[in-house]
Amino acid sequence: MKKLLCAVLFMVTLIYMGCNKDDSNPVVGPSDITFQLSSQTVNGVSSFLFKPSENVKLDVILLSCPSQSVYDTIASSNPNRVYSKDSVYPFGDYSGIQRGQNWNFTFTGKTSGNNTSFSSSVSFSVPKIKANSK
């Protein structure tokens, strides 16, 4: 009986904690901000490049390649830096990136105009080399 009471108390506590309406890190705002991605490799080291659809300030970029067990977080060293929609920006240096790998990215930040929070997720497949046709 004591074990049952403890289990019920534990479940009630979990439910109560899960019903908290105070979200300390809400991400609300424009869902139409997108990012174009590409990659480049120089001397065996690959980096990704992004171009935002709007001028933005980034807080963090989360990236992953589950098939290679790669999970990384790139935090902005200057959250007030504006990334222009007219420019391409390199980020992250990785070795072992191969053509055809699927990567996932989540960009989180604020619009530069009115500081509205956003979160944008993008899947990217490293381009394969095209075969020459004659």
N, C-alpha and C. Protein backbone atom coordinates (compact mmCIF):
# COMPACT_ATOMS: atom_id res chain seq x y z
N MET A 1 0.81 -1.18 0.00
CA MET A 1 0.00 0.00 0.00
C MET A 1 0.86 1.26 0.00
N LYS A 2 1.97 1.20 0.74
CA LYS A 2 2.87 2.34 0.81
C LYS A 2 3.49 2.64 -0.56
N LYS A 3 3.84 1.57 -1.31
CA LYS A 3 4.41 1.75 -2.64
C LYS A 3 3.40 2.37 -3.59
N LEU A 4 2.14 1.93 -3.50
CA LEU A 4 1.09 2.47 -4.35
C LEU A 4 0.87 3.95 -4.07
N LEU A 5 0.86 4.32 -2.81
CA LEU A 5 0.70 5.71 -2.42
C LEU A 5 1.85 6.57 -2.95
N CYS A 6 3.06 6.07 -2.85
CA CYS A 6 4.24 6.79 -3.37
C CYS A 6 4.15 6.95 -4.88
N ALA A 7 3.72 5.91 -5.56
CA ALA A 7 3.60 5.97 -7.02
C ALA A 7 2.54 6.99 -7.42
N VAL A 8 1.40 7.01 -6.75
CA VAL A 8 0.33 7.96 -7.05
C VAL A 8 0.81 9.38 -6.77
N LEU A 9 1.49 9.59 -5.66
CA LEU A 9 2.02 10.91 -5.31
C LEU A 9 3.03 11.38 -6.37
N PHE A 10 3.88 10.48 -6.81
CA PHE A 10 4.86 10.79 -7.84
C PHE A 10 4.16 11.21 -9.14
N MET A 11 3.14 10.47 -9.57
CA MET A 11 2.41 10.79 -10.81
C MET A 11 1.71 12.14 -10.70
N VAL A 12 1.09 12.41 -9.55
CA VAL A 12 0.41 13.69 -9.35
C VAL A 12 1.42 14.83 -9.43
N THR A 13 2.59 14.65 -8.84
CA THR A 13 3.63 15.67 -8.89
C THR A 13 4.07 15.91 -10.33
N LEU A 14 4.27 14.86 -11.11
CA LEU A 14 4.66 15.00 -12.52
C LEU A 14 3.60 15.75 -13.31
N ILE A 15 2.36 15.39 -13.11
CA ILE A 15 1.26 16.04 -13.83
C ILE A 15 1.20 17.51 -13.45
N TYR A 16 1.32 17.80 -12.17
CA TYR A 16 1.28 19.19 -11.71
C TYR A 16 2.42 20.00 -12.33
N MET A 17 3.62 19.46 -12.35
CA MET A 17 4.77 20.17 -12.91
C MET A 17 4.62 20.33 -14.41
N GLY A 18 4.03 19.36 -15.08
CA GLY A 18 3.86 19.43 -16.52
C GLY A 18 2.79 20.41 -16.96
N CYS A 19 1.93 20.81 -16.05
CA CYS A 19 0.84 21.74 -16.37
C CYS A 19 1.24 23.19 -16.17
N ASN A 20 2.47 23.46 -15.88
CA ASN A 20 2.92 24.83 -15.67
C ASN A 20 2.80 25.62 -16.95
N LYS A 21 2.08 26.74 -16.93
CA LYS A 21 1.85 27.56 -18.11
C LYS A 21 2.99 28.52 -18.37
N ASP A 22 3.92 28.69 -17.45
CA ASP A 22 5.01 29.62 -17.60
C ASP A 22 6.12 28.99 -18.42
N ASP A 23 6.22 29.39 -19.69
CA ASP A 23 7.29 28.89 -20.55
C ASP A 23 8.42 29.90 -20.50
N SER A 24 9.54 29.54 -19.92
CA SER A 24 10.63 30.48 -19.73
C SER A 24 11.38 30.79 -21.02
N ASN A 25 11.15 30.05 -22.09
CA ASN A 25 11.84 30.31 -23.34
C ASN A 25 10.89 30.13 -24.52
N PRO A 26 9.87 30.99 -24.63
CA PRO A 26 8.92 30.82 -25.72
C PRO A 26 9.54 31.24 -27.06
N VAL A 27 9.19 30.54 -28.10
CA VAL A 27 9.61 30.93 -29.45
C VAL A 27 8.35 31.19 -30.24
N VAL A 28 8.04 32.45 -30.33
CA VAL A 28 6.86 32.87 -31.06
C VAL A 28 7.31 33.83 -32.13
N GLY A 29 6.50 34.01 -33.12
CA GLY A 29 6.86 34.99 -34.12
C GLY A 29 6.73 34.46 -35.52
N PRO A 30 7.41 35.14 -36.42
CA PRO A 30 7.24 34.81 -37.83
C PRO A 30 7.72 33.39 -38.15
N SER A 31 6.88 32.65 -38.82
CA SER A 31 7.26 31.30 -39.23
C SER A 31 7.72 31.29 -40.68
N ASP A 32 7.71 32.46 -41.30
CA ASP A 32 8.09 32.51 -42.71
C ASP A 32 9.57 32.83 -42.93
N ILE A 33 10.36 32.93 -41.87
CA ILE A 33 11.79 33.15 -42.03
C ILE A 33 12.42 31.81 -42.39
N THR A 34 13.13 31.78 -43.50
CA THR A 34 13.75 30.55 -43.98
C THR A 34 15.25 30.78 -44.17
N PHE A 35 15.96 29.68 -44.32
CA PHE A 35 17.40 29.75 -44.53
C PHE A 35 17.78 28.84 -45.69
N GLN A 36 18.56 29.38 -46.64
CA GLN A 36 19.13 28.58 -47.72
C GLN A 36 20.47 28.06 -47.21
N LEU A 37 20.75 26.79 -47.46
CA LEU A 37 21.99 26.18 -46.99
C LEU A 37 22.81 25.64 -48.15
N SER A 38 24.11 25.67 -47.97
CA SER A 38 25.03 25.02 -48.90
C SER A 38 26.24 24.58 -48.07
N SER A 39 27.19 23.92 -48.72
CA SER A 39 28.39 23.48 -48.01
C SER A 39 29.59 23.69 -48.91
N GLN A 40 30.76 23.77 -48.29
CA GLN A 40 32.01 23.86 -49.04
C GLN A 40 33.07 23.09 -48.29
N THR A 41 34.00 22.50 -49.03
CA THR A 41 35.09 21.75 -48.43
C THR A 41 36.42 22.28 -48.95
N VAL A 42 37.31 22.60 -48.04
CA VAL A 42 38.65 23.07 -48.39
C VAL A 42 39.64 22.27 -47.57
N ASN A 43 40.55 21.59 -48.25
CA ASN A 43 41.59 20.77 -47.59
C ASN A 43 41.00 19.77 -46.60
N GLY A 44 39.90 19.14 -46.96
CA GLY A 44 39.29 18.10 -46.14
C GLY A 44 38.44 18.59 -44.99
N VAL A 45 38.34 19.91 -44.82
CA VAL A 45 37.51 20.47 -43.76
C VAL A 45 36.29 21.13 -44.41
N SER A 46 35.12 20.71 -43.98
CA SER A 46 33.88 21.23 -44.56
C SER A 46 33.23 22.23 -43.62
N SER A 47 32.60 23.20 -44.22
CA SER A 47 31.78 24.14 -43.44
C SER A 47 30.47 24.32 -44.17
N PHE A 48 29.48 24.74 -43.43
CA PHE A 48 28.17 25.02 -44.01
C PHE A 48 28.05 26.52 -44.21
N LEU A 49 27.19 26.90 -45.13
CA LEU A 49 26.93 28.31 -45.37
C LEU A 49 25.42 28.52 -45.33
N PHE A 50 24.99 29.66 -44.77
CA PHE A 50 23.56 29.95 -44.73
C PHE A 50 23.28 31.35 -45.23
N LYS A 51 22.08 31.52 -45.74
CA LYS A 51 21.59 32.82 -46.19
C LYS A 51 20.15 32.94 -45.70
N PRO A 52 19.88 33.91 -44.79
CA PRO A 52 18.52 34.07 -44.29
C PRO A 52 17.62 34.78 -45.29
N SER A 53 16.32 34.54 -45.21
CA SER A 53 15.36 35.19 -46.11
C SER A 53 15.04 36.61 -45.64
N GLU A 54 15.35 36.91 -44.38
CA GLU A 54 15.14 38.25 -43.79
C GLU A 54 16.38 38.60 -42.97
N ASN A 55 16.56 39.87 -42.70
CA ASN A 55 17.64 40.28 -41.80
C ASN A 55 17.32 39.78 -40.40
N VAL A 56 18.26 39.05 -39.80
CA VAL A 56 18.01 38.42 -38.49
C VAL A 56 19.21 38.58 -37.57
N LYS A 57 18.94 38.37 -36.28
CA LYS A 57 19.98 38.26 -35.26
C LYS A 57 19.85 36.84 -34.70
N LEU A 58 20.94 36.09 -34.70
CA LEU A 58 20.88 34.69 -34.27
C LEU A 58 21.35 34.52 -32.83
N ASP A 59 20.62 33.68 -32.10
CA ASP A 59 21.03 33.30 -30.76
C ASP A 59 21.81 31.99 -30.79
N VAL A 60 21.27 31.02 -31.54
CA VAL A 60 21.89 29.70 -31.56
C VAL A 60 21.53 28.96 -32.85
N ILE A 61 22.44 28.11 -33.28
CA ILE A 61 22.19 27.19 -34.39
C ILE A 61 22.41 25.78 -33.84
N LEU A 62 21.38 24.95 -33.95
CA LEU A 62 21.50 23.54 -33.57
C LEU A 62 21.66 22.75 -34.87
N LEU A 63 22.61 21.83 -34.90
CA LEU A 63 22.77 21.02 -36.09
C LEU A 63 23.02 19.58 -35.71
N SER A 64 22.58 18.69 -36.60
CA SER A 64 22.76 17.27 -36.33
C SER A 64 22.83 16.49 -37.63
N CYS A 65 23.58 15.40 -37.55
CA CYS A 65 23.62 14.40 -38.61
C CYS A 65 23.49 13.07 -37.88
N PRO A 66 22.24 12.63 -37.65
CA PRO A 66 22.01 11.42 -36.84
C PRO A 66 22.76 10.18 -37.33
N SER A 67 22.91 10.03 -38.65
CA SER A 67 23.58 8.82 -39.16
C SER A 67 25.06 8.78 -38.77
N GLN A 68 25.63 9.93 -38.45
CA GLN A 68 27.03 10.00 -38.04
C GLN A 68 27.18 10.32 -36.56
N SER A 69 26.07 10.34 -35.83
CA SER A 69 26.05 10.67 -34.40
C SER A 69 26.70 12.03 -34.12
N VAL A 70 26.41 13.00 -35.00
CA VAL A 70 26.92 14.36 -34.81
C VAL A 70 25.78 15.23 -34.34
N TYR A 71 25.98 15.88 -33.19
CA TYR A 71 25.02 16.82 -32.64
C TYR A 71 25.82 17.99 -32.11
N ASP A 72 25.50 19.21 -32.56
CA ASP A 72 26.31 20.35 -32.17
C ASP A 72 25.42 21.56 -31.93
N THR A 73 25.89 22.45 -31.09
CA THR A 73 25.22 23.70 -30.79
C THR A 73 26.22 24.82 -31.01
N ILE A 74 25.84 25.76 -31.84
CA ILE A 74 26.70 26.92 -32.08
C ILE A 74 25.98 28.14 -31.53
N ALA A 75 26.48 28.64 -30.42
CA ALA A 75 25.88 29.82 -29.79
C ALA A 75 26.53 31.08 -30.36
N SER A 76 25.73 32.10 -30.54
CA SER A 76 26.24 33.36 -31.07
C SER A 76 27.13 34.05 -30.05
N SER A 77 28.28 34.52 -30.51
CA SER A 77 29.16 35.28 -29.61
C SER A 77 28.69 36.73 -29.51
N ASN A 78 27.84 37.15 -30.46
CA ASN A 78 27.28 38.50 -30.45
C ASN A 78 25.83 38.44 -30.90
N PRO A 79 24.89 38.29 -29.96
CA PRO A 79 23.48 38.14 -30.33
C PRO A 79 22.87 39.38 -30.97
N ASN A 80 23.60 40.50 -31.01
CA ASN A 80 23.10 41.71 -31.66
C ASN A 80 23.59 41.86 -33.10
N ARG A 81 24.45 40.94 -33.54
CA ARG A 81 24.95 41.00 -34.92
C ARG A 81 23.79 40.72 -35.88
N VAL A 82 23.68 41.55 -36.91
CA VAL A 82 22.62 41.37 -37.91
C VAL A 82 23.18 40.60 -39.09
N TYR A 83 22.50 39.50 -39.44
CA TYR A 83 22.84 38.71 -40.61
C TYR A 83 21.91 39.15 -41.74
N SER A 84 22.49 39.73 -42.77
CA SER A 84 21.72 40.31 -43.87
C SER A 84 21.14 39.24 -44.78
N LYS A 85 19.94 39.51 -45.28
CA LYS A 85 19.29 38.60 -46.23
C LYS A 85 20.01 38.60 -47.57
N ASP A 86 20.92 39.54 -47.77
CA ASP A 86 21.64 39.66 -49.04
C ASP A 86 23.03 39.04 -49.01
N SER A 87 23.39 38.36 -47.91
CA SER A 87 24.74 37.79 -47.78
C SER A 87 24.68 36.32 -47.39
N VAL A 88 25.80 35.64 -47.65
CA VAL A 88 25.96 34.23 -47.28
C VAL A 88 27.02 34.17 -46.18
N TYR A 89 26.76 33.34 -45.15
CA TYR A 89 27.63 33.27 -43.99
C TYR A 89 28.09 31.84 -43.74
N PRO A 90 29.41 31.63 -43.61
CA PRO A 90 29.91 30.28 -43.27
C PRO A 90 29.82 30.05 -41.76
N PHE A 91 29.65 28.79 -41.37
CA PHE A 91 29.67 28.43 -39.95
C PHE A 91 30.05 26.98 -39.80
N GLY A 92 30.71 26.68 -38.70
CA GLY A 92 31.07 25.31 -38.37
C GLY A 92 32.13 24.73 -39.28
N ASP A 93 33.15 24.14 -38.71
CA ASP A 93 34.18 23.42 -39.46
C ASP A 93 34.13 21.96 -39.02
N TYR A 94 33.91 21.07 -39.99
CA TYR A 94 33.75 19.65 -39.68
C TYR A 94 34.55 18.82 -40.67
N SER A 95 35.18 17.76 -40.16
CA SER A 95 35.84 16.81 -41.05
C SER A 95 34.96 15.58 -41.16
N GLY A 96 35.07 14.88 -42.25
CA GLY A 96 34.29 13.66 -42.43
C GLY A 96 32.92 13.85 -43.05
N ILE A 97 32.60 15.07 -43.46
CA ILE A 97 31.31 15.28 -44.13
C ILE A 97 31.40 14.65 -45.51
N GLN A 98 30.38 13.86 -45.83
CA GLN A 98 30.38 13.16 -47.11
C GLN A 98 29.15 13.53 -47.90
N ARG A 99 29.29 13.45 -49.21
CA ARG A 99 28.17 13.75 -50.10
C ARG A 99 27.04 12.77 -49.84
N GLY A 100 25.82 13.29 -49.83
CA GLY A 100 24.65 12.45 -49.60
C GLY A 100 24.20 12.40 -48.15
N GLN A 101 25.03 12.88 -47.22
CA GLN A 101 24.62 12.88 -45.81
C GLN A 101 23.47 13.86 -45.61
N ASN A 102 22.58 13.51 -44.71
CA ASN A 102 21.45 14.38 -44.37
C ASN A 102 21.71 15.07 -43.04
N TRP A 103 21.64 16.38 -43.05
CA TRP A 103 21.88 17.20 -41.87
C TRP A 103 20.61 17.97 -41.53
N ASN A 104 20.40 18.22 -40.25
CA ASN A 104 19.25 19.00 -39.77
C ASN A 104 19.76 20.22 -39.02
N PHE A 105 19.14 21.36 -39.28
CA PHE A 105 19.55 22.62 -38.66
C PHE A 105 18.32 23.30 -38.07
N THR A 106 18.50 23.93 -36.93
CA THR A 106 17.47 24.79 -36.35
C THR A 106 18.13 26.12 -36.01
N PHE A 107 17.65 27.17 -36.63
CA PHE A 107 18.15 28.53 -36.39
C PHE A 107 17.16 29.22 -35.45
N THR A 108 17.66 29.76 -34.35
CA THR A 108 16.82 30.45 -33.38
C THR A 108 17.40 31.84 -33.14
N GLY A 109 16.51 32.84 -33.17
CA GLY A 109 16.98 34.20 -32.96
C GLY A 109 15.83 35.18 -32.97
N LYS A 110 16.12 36.40 -33.45
CA LYS A 110 15.13 37.46 -33.50
C LYS A 110 15.24 38.18 -34.84
N THR A 111 14.12 38.72 -35.29
CA THR A 111 14.16 39.55 -36.50
C THR A 111 14.92 40.82 -36.14
N SER A 112 15.64 41.39 -37.09
CA SER A 112 16.44 42.57 -36.78
C SER A 112 15.58 43.82 -36.67
N GLY A 113 14.42 43.84 -37.33
CA GLY A 113 13.59 45.02 -37.32
C GLY A 113 12.86 45.27 -36.01
N ASN A 114 12.17 44.23 -35.50
CA ASN A 114 11.36 44.45 -34.31
C ASN A 114 11.65 43.45 -33.19
N ASN A 115 12.76 42.72 -33.29
CA ASN A 115 13.18 41.76 -32.25
C ASN A 115 12.13 40.70 -31.93
N THR A 116 11.36 40.28 -32.93
CA THR A 116 10.40 39.21 -32.75
C THR A 116 11.14 37.87 -32.81
N SER A 117 10.92 37.01 -31.81
CA SER A 117 11.59 35.71 -31.76
C SER A 117 11.12 34.80 -32.88
N PHE A 118 12.02 33.95 -33.36
CA PHE A 118 11.67 32.96 -34.38
C PHE A 118 12.51 31.71 -34.19
N SER A 119 12.05 30.63 -34.79
CA SER A 119 12.81 29.39 -34.86
C SER A 119 12.51 28.79 -36.22
N SER A 120 13.56 28.45 -36.97
CA SER A 120 13.39 27.92 -38.32
C SER A 120 14.21 26.65 -38.48
N SER A 121 13.56 25.56 -38.89
CA SER A 121 14.25 24.27 -39.07
C SER A 121 14.41 23.97 -40.55
N VAL A 122 15.59 23.43 -40.90
CA VAL A 122 15.92 23.13 -42.29
C VAL A 122 16.62 21.78 -42.35
N SER A 123 16.24 20.96 -43.32
CA SER A 123 16.97 19.73 -43.61
C SER A 123 17.83 19.98 -44.84
N PHE A 124 19.05 19.46 -44.81
CA PHE A 124 19.99 19.70 -45.90
C PHE A 124 20.70 18.39 -46.23
N SER A 125 20.72 18.06 -47.50
CA SER A 125 21.45 16.88 -47.98
C SER A 125 22.69 17.37 -48.71
N VAL A 126 23.87 16.92 -48.27
CA VAL A 126 25.11 17.34 -48.92
C VAL A 126 25.05 16.86 -50.36
N PRO A 127 25.21 17.78 -51.32
CA PRO A 127 25.06 17.41 -52.73
C PRO A 127 26.03 16.32 -53.18
N LYS A 128 25.51 15.45 -54.03
CA LYS A 128 26.33 14.38 -54.61
C LYS A 128 26.99 14.91 -55.89
N ILE A 129 28.12 14.31 -56.25
CA ILE A 129 28.79 14.71 -57.48
C ILE A 129 27.99 14.16 -58.66
N LYS A 130 27.72 15.04 -59.61
CA LYS A 130 27.00 14.61 -60.80
C LYS A 130 27.94 13.90 -61.75
N ALA A 131 27.47 12.81 -62.33
CA ALA A 131 28.26 12.08 -63.31
C ALA A 131 28.32 12.86 -64.61
N ASN A 132 29.49 12.87 -65.25
CA ASN A 132 29.61 13.56 -66.54
C ASN A 132 28.88 12.79 -67.60
N SER A 133 28.08 13.50 -68.39
CA SER A 133 27.39 12.83 -69.51
C SER A 133 28.02 13.30 -70.81
N LYS A 134 28.14 12.39 -71.75
CA LYS A 134 28.78 12.74 -73.02
C LYS A 134 27.78 12.73 -74.13
